[in-house]
């Protein structure tokens, strides 16, 4: 009997987790970074669609943890732990962080590269190895991760599809 496969969609500043045979997808990755944490042995993965590098940029008391690299990656790791993954078993793959606008040079227009730097810093802090990435450039991406195969499919605007 063949298992039915569902694609779980993750929105902007959102996160979710999935187990095989299902896959997890997000689109609209311009300057945002899609961070996949996965456990190869347990065939489980989570995806967070990070918009901004640091929760210190949050305005107000209600913080959407998925919006920021520092809070989103940690929260995703915690959710995977509740599903039985051990943090030392997790690996990461990332995509996105494009420089969508070519004018200006100050940090406010460098949001894509700043997001990538913040994601890598948080993965390092949590001792989660980054095993593959497709970051930078100036095009948007859609990504889909398959926990059964531990592969990330990346569709880039005007550049086709690749697998990491």
Protein backbone atom coordinates (compact mmCIF):
# COMPACT_ATOMS: atom_id res chain seq x y z
CA UNK A 1 0.00 0.00 0.00
CA UNK A 2 1.40 3.37 -1.03
CA UNK A 3 1.40 6.15 1.56
CA UNK A 4 -0.36 9.40 0.68
CA UNK A 5 2.07 12.30 0.57
CA UNK A 6 1.00 15.74 1.81
CA UNK A 7 2.87 18.98 1.21
CA UNK A 8 2.78 21.09 4.36
CA UNK A 9 3.02 24.78 3.49
CA UNK A 10 4.85 27.31 5.65
CA UNK A 11 4.03 30.99 5.25
CA UNK A 12 6.22 34.04 5.72
CA UNK A 13 7.32 34.38 9.38
CA UNK A 14 5.87 30.93 10.04
CA UNK A 15 7.14 27.47 10.97
CA UNK A 16 5.97 23.88 10.99
CA UNK A 17 7.26 20.31 11.21
CA UNK A 18 6.64 17.22 9.11
CA UNK A 19 7.45 13.50 9.09
CA UNK A 20 7.91 11.19 6.12
CA UNK A 21 6.22 10.59 3.72
CA UNK A 22 5.13 14.25 3.82
CA UNK A 23 7.19 17.17 2.58
CA UNK A 24 7.38 20.78 3.72
CA UNK A 25 7.48 23.85 1.45
CA UNK A 26 7.78 27.61 1.58
CA UNK A 27 7.80 30.19 -1.19
CA UNK A 28 8.51 33.89 -1.38
CA UNK A 29 12.10 33.61 -0.17
CA UNK A 30 13.63 36.86 -1.33
CA UNK A 31 15.68 38.42 1.44
CA UNK A 32 14.05 35.92 3.82
CA UNK A 33 15.85 32.67 4.67
CA UNK A 34 14.23 29.25 4.77
CA UNK A 35 15.87 27.20 7.52
CA UNK A 36 15.33 23.43 7.51
CA UNK A 37 16.29 21.45 10.61
CA UNK A 38 16.08 17.70 10.15
CA UNK A 39 16.81 14.39 11.83
CA UNK A 40 17.84 11.79 9.23
CA UNK A 41 17.35 8.83 11.56
CA UNK A 42 13.83 9.79 12.67
CA UNK A 43 12.79 11.09 9.19
CA UNK A 44 11.43 14.31 10.66
CA UNK A 45 12.05 17.92 9.61
CA UNK A 46 11.02 21.43 10.47
CA UNK A 47 11.06 24.61 8.43
CA UNK A 48 11.08 28.21 9.60
CA UNK A 49 10.68 31.14 7.17
CA UNK A 50 12.91 33.82 8.75
CA UNK A 51 12.18 37.45 7.80
CA UNK A 52 14.56 39.41 10.03
CA UNK A 53 17.90 38.72 11.74
CA UNK A 54 17.24 39.65 15.35
CA UNK A 55 14.23 39.75 17.68
CA UNK A 56 15.63 42.99 19.13
CA UNK A 57 14.02 44.54 16.02
CA UNK A 58 10.56 43.49 17.29
CA UNK A 59 8.12 46.24 18.05
CA UNK A 60 5.68 45.75 20.91
CA UNK A 61 5.24 42.95 23.42
CA UNK A 62 3.81 40.25 21.17
CA UNK A 63 6.72 38.72 19.27
CA UNK A 64 6.18 36.26 16.43
CA UNK A 65 9.14 33.99 17.18
CA UNK A 66 9.15 32.55 13.62
CA UNK A 67 9.87 36.01 12.18
CA UNK A 68 13.43 36.25 13.56
CA UNK A 69 16.55 34.12 13.10
CA UNK A 70 17.47 34.05 16.80
CA UNK A 71 14.04 33.06 18.14
CA UNK A 72 12.76 31.06 15.15
CA UNK A 73 15.58 28.53 14.88
CA UNK A 74 15.60 27.91 18.64
CA UNK A 75 11.80 27.48 18.72
CA UNK A 76 11.92 25.08 15.77
CA UNK A 77 14.60 23.02 17.53
CA UNK A 78 12.40 22.87 20.64
CA UNK A 79 9.39 21.69 18.60
CA UNK A 80 11.48 18.94 17.03
CA UNK A 81 12.63 17.90 20.53
CA UNK A 82 8.99 17.48 21.60
CA UNK A 83 8.61 15.06 18.66
CA UNK A 84 11.52 12.93 19.87
CA UNK A 85 14.50 14.40 18.03
CA UNK A 86 17.69 14.97 19.98
CA UNK A 87 19.36 18.33 19.30
CA UNK A 88 22.69 16.59 18.62
CA UNK A 89 21.01 14.60 15.82
CA UNK A 90 19.82 17.69 13.96
CA UNK A 91 21.36 19.05 10.77
CA UNK A 92 20.48 22.19 8.81
CA UNK A 93 20.05 23.27 5.21
CA UNK A 94 19.25 26.85 4.28
CA UNK A 95 18.19 28.84 1.21
CA UNK A 96 17.30 32.45 0.46
CA UNK A 97 18.91 35.64 1.68
CA UNK A 98 18.89 37.34 -1.70
CA UNK A 99 19.88 40.98 -2.13
CA UNK A 100 16.59 41.98 -3.74
CA UNK A 101 17.35 45.70 -4.13
CA UNK A 102 20.58 46.96 -5.66
CA UNK A 103 20.49 50.57 -4.51
CA UNK A 104 22.17 51.90 -1.38
CA UNK A 105 24.78 50.25 0.79
CA UNK A 106 23.64 50.71 4.37
CA UNK A 107 22.50 47.80 6.55
CA UNK A 108 18.79 48.41 6.01
CA UNK A 109 19.04 47.36 2.36
CA UNK A 110 21.42 44.45 3.13
CA UNK A 111 18.64 42.50 4.87
CA UNK A 112 19.23 39.26 2.87
CA UNK A 113 22.95 38.96 3.72
CA UNK A 114 22.23 40.02 7.33
CA UNK A 115 19.59 37.29 7.59
CA UNK A 116 22.05 34.66 6.31
CA UNK A 117 24.71 35.83 8.81
CA UNK A 118 22.20 35.72 11.69
CA UNK A 119 20.97 32.23 10.72
CA UNK A 120 24.53 30.88 10.59
CA UNK A 121 25.36 32.49 13.93
CA UNK A 122 22.31 30.92 15.60
CA UNK A 123 22.98 27.47 14.09
CA UNK A 124 26.55 27.69 15.40
CA UNK A 125 25.34 28.80 18.84
CA UNK A 126 23.01 25.78 18.98
CA UNK A 127 25.74 23.43 17.63
CA UNK A 128 23.60 22.43 14.64
CA UNK A 129 25.81 21.71 11.60
CA UNK A 130 24.96 23.55 8.39
CA UNK A 131 25.44 20.87 5.73
CA UNK A 132 24.23 22.74 2.62
CA UNK A 133 23.10 26.17 1.52
CA UNK A 134 21.88 28.07 -1.50
CA UNK A 135 21.98 31.72 -0.45
CA UNK A 136 22.58 35.15 -1.89
CA UNK A 137 22.07 36.28 -5.45
CA UNK A 138 19.21 38.53 -6.49
CA UNK A 139 16.36 36.09 -7.25
CA UNK A 140 13.50 34.70 -5.20
CA UNK A 141 13.24 31.03 -4.29
CA UNK A 142 10.72 28.34 -3.40
CA UNK A 143 12.01 25.40 -1.39
CA UNK A 144 10.62 21.98 -0.52
CA UNK A 145 12.24 19.50 1.87
CA UNK A 146 11.69 15.75 1.84
CA UNK A 147 12.58 14.19 5.22
CA UNK A 148 12.51 10.66 3.76
CA UNK A 149 15.49 11.49 1.52
CA UNK A 150 16.94 14.47 3.47
CA UNK A 151 16.97 16.54 0.28
CA UNK A 152 16.07 20.17 -0.29
CA UNK A 153 14.60 21.06 -3.69
CA UNK A 154 15.18 24.71 -4.60
CA UNK A 155 13.35 26.45 -7.42
CA UNK A 156 14.92 29.82 -8.22
CA UNK A 157 13.23 32.47 -10.36
CA UNK A 158 14.84 32.47 -13.84
CA UNK A 159 17.42 29.84 -12.80
CA UNK A 160 15.59 26.52 -12.68
CA UNK A 161 15.69 23.86 -9.98
CA UNK A 162 18.50 22.30 -7.98
CA UNK A 163 18.75 19.79 -5.15
CA UNK A 164 21.00 20.06 -2.11
